């Protein structure tokens, strides 16, 4: 996350509260990222 948000403080703030999916499965900072993987960043939302 730091690589994509290092010069974008607002993006860094949003990413810090997002949930992440890697190829459709829940992921965290320790999940290995492989070439070609699909990463989804899901911001918090209400409803449902």
PDB file of N, CA and C in Angstrom:
ATOM      1  N   UNK A   1       0.816  -1.188   0.000  1.00  0.00           N
ATOM      2  CA  UNK A   1       0.000   0.000   0.000  1.00  0.00           C
ATOM      3  C   UNK A   1       0.862   1.254   0.000  1.00  0.00           C
ATOM      4  N   UNK A   2       1.961   1.193   0.694  1.00  0.00           N
ATOM      5  CA  UNK A   2       2.818   2.380   0.773  1.00  0.00           C
ATOM      6  C   UNK A   2       3.338   2.784  -0.599  1.00  0.00           C
ATOM      7  N   UNK A   3       3.568   1.818  -1.470  1.00  0.00           N
ATOM      8  CA  UNK A   3       4.091   2.128  -2.803  1.00  0.00           C
ATOM      9  C   UNK A   3       3.108   2.970  -3.606  1.00  0.00           C
ATOM     10  N   UNK A   4       1.824   2.654  -3.547  1.00  0.00           N
ATOM     11  CA  UNK A   4       0.847   3.386  -4.349  1.00  0.00           C
ATOM     12  C   UNK A   4       0.335   4.647  -3.676  1.00  0.00           C
ATOM     13  N   UNK A   5       0.582   4.806  -2.390  1.00  0.00           N
ATOM     14  CA  UNK A   5       0.022   5.967  -1.696  1.00  0.00           C
ATOM     15  C   UNK A   5       1.067   6.870  -1.053  1.00  0.00           C
ATOM     16  N   UNK A   6       2.337   6.637  -1.313  1.00  0.00           N
ATOM     17  CA  UNK A   6       3.383   7.386  -0.614  1.00  0.00           C
ATOM     18  C   UNK A   6       3.283   8.897  -0.821  1.00  0.00           C
ATOM     19  N   UNK A   7       2.855   9.347  -1.987  1.00  0.00           N
ATOM     20  CA  UNK A   7       2.727  10.789  -2.226  1.00  0.00           C
ATOM     21  C   UNK A   7       1.269  11.226  -2.331  1.00  0.00           C
ATOM     22  N   UNK A   8       0.360  10.392  -1.807  1.00  0.00           N
ATOM     23  CA  UNK A   8      -1.075  10.691  -1.838  1.00  0.00           C
ATOM     24  C   UNK A   8      -1.668  10.455  -0.441  1.00  0.00           C
ATOM     25  N   UNK A   9      -1.583  11.423   0.435  1.00  0.00           N
ATOM     26  CA  UNK A   9      -2.013  11.211   1.824  1.00  0.00           C
ATOM     27  C   UNK A   9      -3.492  10.829   1.961  1.00  0.00           C
ATOM     28  N   UNK A  10      -4.360  11.365   1.122  1.00  0.00           N
ATOM     29  CA  UNK A  10      -5.774  11.017   1.235  1.00  0.00           C
ATOM     30  C   UNK A  10      -6.006   9.568   0.817  1.00  0.00           C
ATOM     31  N   UNK A  11      -5.322   9.116  -0.226  1.00  0.00           N
ATOM     32  CA  UNK A  11      -5.412   7.714  -0.626  1.00  0.00           C
ATOM     33  C   UNK A  11      -4.881   6.815   0.482  1.00  0.00           C
ATOM     34  N   UNK A  12      -3.790   7.199   1.106  1.00  0.00           N
ATOM     35  CA  UNK A  12      -3.228   6.413   2.217  1.00  0.00           C
ATOM     36  C   UNK A  12      -4.236   6.301   3.353  1.00  0.00           C
ATOM     37  N   UNK A  13      -4.947   7.392   3.656  1.00  0.00           N
ATOM     38  CA  UNK A  13      -5.945   7.372   4.716  1.00  0.00           C
ATOM     39  C   UNK A  13      -7.071   6.401   4.380  1.00  0.00           C
ATOM     40  N   UNK A  14      -7.571   6.454   3.158  1.00  0.00           N
ATOM     41  CA  UNK A  14      -8.659   5.563   2.757  1.00  0.00           C
ATOM     42  C   UNK A  14      -8.189   4.110   2.753  1.00  0.00           C
ATOM     43  N   UNK A  15      -7.022   3.848   2.194  1.00  0.00           N
ATOM     44  CA  UNK A  15      -6.519   2.474   2.151  1.00  0.00           C
ATOM     45  C   UNK A  15      -6.316   1.896   3.542  1.00  0.00           C
ATOM     46  N   UNK A  16      -6.010   2.742   4.507  1.00  0.00           N
ATOM     47  CA  UNK A  16      -5.775   2.243   5.869  1.00  0.00           C
ATOM     48  C   UNK A  16      -7.044   1.704   6.528  1.00  0.00           C
ATOM     49  N   UNK A  17      -8.219   2.052   6.000  1.00  0.00           N
ATOM     50  CA  UNK A  17      -9.471   1.566   6.577  1.00  0.00           C
ATOM     51  C   UNK A  17     -10.213   0.607   5.649  1.00  0.00           C
ATOM     52  N   UNK A  18      -9.608   0.257   4.523  1.00  0.00           N
ATOM     53  CA  UNK A  18     -10.233  -0.658   3.567  1.00  0.00           C
ATOM     54  C   UNK A  18     -10.031  -2.117   3.968  1.00  0.00           C
ATOM     55  N   UNK A  19     -10.917  -2.948   3.465  1.00  0.00           N
ATOM     56  CA  UNK A  19     -10.743  -4.393   3.483  1.00  0.00           C
ATOM     57  C   UNK A  19     -10.242  -4.769   2.097  1.00  0.00           C
ATOM     58  N   UNK A  20      -9.354  -5.749   2.013  1.00  0.00           N
ATOM     59  CA  UNK A  20      -8.780  -6.131   0.726  1.00  0.00           C
ATOM     60  C   UNK A  20      -9.125  -7.569   0.364  1.00  0.00           C
ATOM     61  N   UNK A  21      -9.349  -7.768  -0.925  1.00  0.00           N
ATOM     62  CA  UNK A  21      -9.524  -9.101  -1.485  1.00  0.00           C
ATOM     63  C   UNK A  21      -8.416  -9.321  -2.493  1.00  0.00           C
ATOM     64  N   UNK A  22      -7.894 -10.523  -2.524  1.00  0.00           N
ATOM     65  CA  UNK A  22      -6.890 -10.921  -3.505  1.00  0.00           C
ATOM     66  C   UNK A  22      -7.459 -12.106  -4.249  1.00  0.00           C
ATOM     67  N   UNK A  23      -7.739 -11.899  -5.534  1.00  0.00           N
ATOM     68  CA  UNK A  23      -8.391 -12.919  -6.351  1.00  0.00           C
ATOM     69  C   UNK A  23      -9.668 -13.437  -5.683  1.00  0.00           C
ATOM     70  N   UNK A  24     -10.435 -12.511  -5.094  1.00  0.00           N
ATOM     71  CA  UNK A  24     -11.723 -12.846  -4.509  1.00  0.00           C
ATOM     72  C   UNK A  24     -11.695 -13.376  -3.090  1.00  0.00           C
ATOM     73  N   UNK A  25     -10.518 -13.518  -2.507  1.00  0.00           N
ATOM     74  CA  UNK A  25     -10.378 -14.027  -1.136  1.00  0.00           C
ATOM     75  C   UNK A  25      -9.852 -12.909  -0.241  1.00  0.00           C
ATOM     76  N   UNK A  26     -10.351 -12.869   0.992  1.00  0.00           N
ATOM     77  CA  UNK A  26      -9.900 -11.841   1.930  1.00  0.00           C
ATOM     78  C   UNK A  26      -8.379 -11.915   2.103  1.00  0.00           C
ATOM     79  N   UNK A  27      -7.745 -10.759   2.125  1.00  0.00           N
ATOM     80  CA  UNK A  27      -6.291 -10.686   2.235  1.00  0.00           C
ATOM     81  C   UNK A  27      -5.913  -9.608   3.245  1.00  0.00           C
ATOM     82  N   UNK A  28      -4.685  -9.698   3.752  1.00  0.00           N
ATOM     83  CA  UNK A  28      -4.145  -8.659   4.621  1.00  0.00           C
ATOM     84  C   UNK A  28      -2.721  -8.351   4.183  1.00  0.00           C
ATOM     85  N   UNK A  29      -2.051  -7.509   4.941  1.00  0.00           N
ATOM     86  CA  UNK A  29      -0.712  -7.055   4.549  1.00  0.00           C
ATOM     87  C   UNK A  29       0.300  -8.188   4.443  1.00  0.00           C
ATOM     88  N   UNK A  30       0.045  -9.312   5.096  1.00  0.00           N
ATOM     89  CA  UNK A  30       0.999 -10.422   5.041  1.00  0.00           C
ATOM     90  C   UNK A  30       0.712 -11.403   3.897  1.00  0.00           C
ATOM     91  N   UNK A  31      -0.391 -11.198   3.170  1.00  0.00           N
ATOM     92  CA  UNK A  31      -0.737 -12.083   2.059  1.00  0.00           C
ATOM     93  C   UNK A  31       0.208 -11.821   0.891  1.00  0.00           C
ATOM     94  N   UNK A  32       0.866 -12.868   0.372  1.00  0.00           N
ATOM     95  CA  UNK A  32       1.782 -12.663  -0.761  1.00  0.00           C
ATOM     96  C   UNK A  32       1.031 -12.183  -2.005  1.00  0.00           C
ATOM     97  N   UNK A  33       1.600 -11.234  -2.698  1.00  0.00           N
ATOM     98  CA  UNK A  33       1.035 -10.703  -3.933  1.00  0.00           C
ATOM     99  C   UNK A  33       1.804 -11.295  -5.105  1.00  0.00           C
ATOM    100  N   UNK A  34       1.087 -11.928  -6.029  1.00  0.00           N
ATOM    101  CA  UNK A  34       1.730 -12.553  -7.178  1.00  0.00           C
ATOM    102  C   UNK A  34       1.401 -11.776  -8.448  1.00  0.00           C
ATOM    103  N   UNK A  35       2.248 -11.908  -9.440  1.00  0.00           N
ATOM    104  CA  UNK A  35       2.022 -11.243 -10.723  1.00  0.00           C
ATOM    105  C   UNK A  35       0.685 -11.676 -11.302  1.00  0.00           C
ATOM    106  N   UNK A  36      -0.076 -10.709 -11.784  1.00  0.00           N
ATOM    107  CA  UNK A  36      -1.357 -10.992 -12.396  1.00  0.00           C
ATOM    108  C   UNK A  36      -2.519 -11.128 -11.431  1.00  0.00           C
ATOM    109  N   UNK A  37      -2.263 -11.006 -10.134  1.00  0.00           N
ATOM    110  CA  UNK A  37      -3.330 -11.131  -9.138  1.00  0.00           C
ATOM    111  C   UNK A  37      -4.258  -9.929  -9.219  1.00  0.00           C
ATOM    112  N   UNK A  38      -5.527 -10.152  -8.901  1.00  0.00           N
ATOM    113  CA  UNK A  38      -6.514  -9.084  -8.864  1.00  0.00           C
ATOM    114  C   UNK A  38      -6.703  -8.657  -7.416  1.00  0.00           C
ATOM    115  N   UNK A  39      -6.465  -7.375  -7.138  1.00  0.00           N
ATOM    116  CA  UNK A  39      -6.616  -6.837  -5.791  1.00  0.00           C
ATOM    117  C   UNK A  39      -7.810  -5.888  -5.793  1.00  0.00           C
ATOM    118  N   UNK A  40      -8.745  -6.125  -4.871  1.00  0.00           N
ATOM    119  CA  UNK A  40      -9.887  -5.235  -4.676  1.00  0.00           C
ATOM    120  C   UNK A  40      -9.726  -4.545  -3.330  1.00  0.00           C
ATOM    121  N   UNK A  41      -9.904  -3.226  -3.304  1.00  0.00           N
ATOM    122  CA  UNK A  41      -9.906  -2.452  -2.068  1.00  0.00           C
ATOM    123  C   UNK A  41     -11.343  -2.046  -1.796  1.00  0.00           C
ATOM    124  N   UNK A  42     -11.893  -2.518  -0.689  1.00  0.00           N
ATOM    125  CA  UNK A  42     -13.289  -2.263  -0.337  1.00  0.00           C
ATOM    126  C   UNK A  42     -13.349  -1.280   0.821  1.00  0.00           C
ATOM    127  N   UNK A  43     -13.763  -0.049   0.570  1.00  0.00           N
ATOM    128  CA  UNK A  43     -13.875   0.913   1.661  1.00  0.00           C
ATOM    129  C   UNK A  43     -15.060   0.534   2.549  1.00  0.00           C
ATOM    130  N   UNK A  44     -15.054   1.001   3.786  1.00  0.00           N
ATOM    131  CA  UNK A  44     -16.174   0.698   4.654  1.00  0.00           C
ATOM    132  C   UNK A  44     -17.463   1.306   4.092  1.00  0.00           C
ATOM    133  N   UNK A  45     -18.543   0.591   4.250  1.00  0.00           N
ATOM    134  CA  UNK A  45     -19.828   1.112   3.785  1.00  0.00           C
ATOM    135  C   UNK A  45     -20.920   0.565   4.704  1.00  0.00           C
ATOM    136  N   UNK A  46     -22.030   1.234   4.711  1.00  0.00           N
ATOM    137  CA  UNK A  46     -23.163   0.831   5.539  1.00  0.00           C
ATOM    138  C   UNK A  46     -24.310   0.391   4.647  1.00  0.00           C
ATOM    139  N   UNK A  47     -25.178  -0.376   5.200  1.00  0.00           N
ATOM    140  CA  UNK A  47     -26.343  -0.793   4.434  1.00  0.00           C
ATOM    141  C   UNK A  47     -26.428  -2.294   4.361  1.00  0.00           C
ATOM    142  N   UNK A  48     -27.392  -2.712   3.604  1.00  0.00           N
ATOM    143  CA  UNK A  48     -27.385  -4.044   3.428  1.00  0.00           C
ATOM    144  C   UNK A  48     -28.273  -5.095   3.464  1.00  0.00           C
TER     145      UNK A  48
END
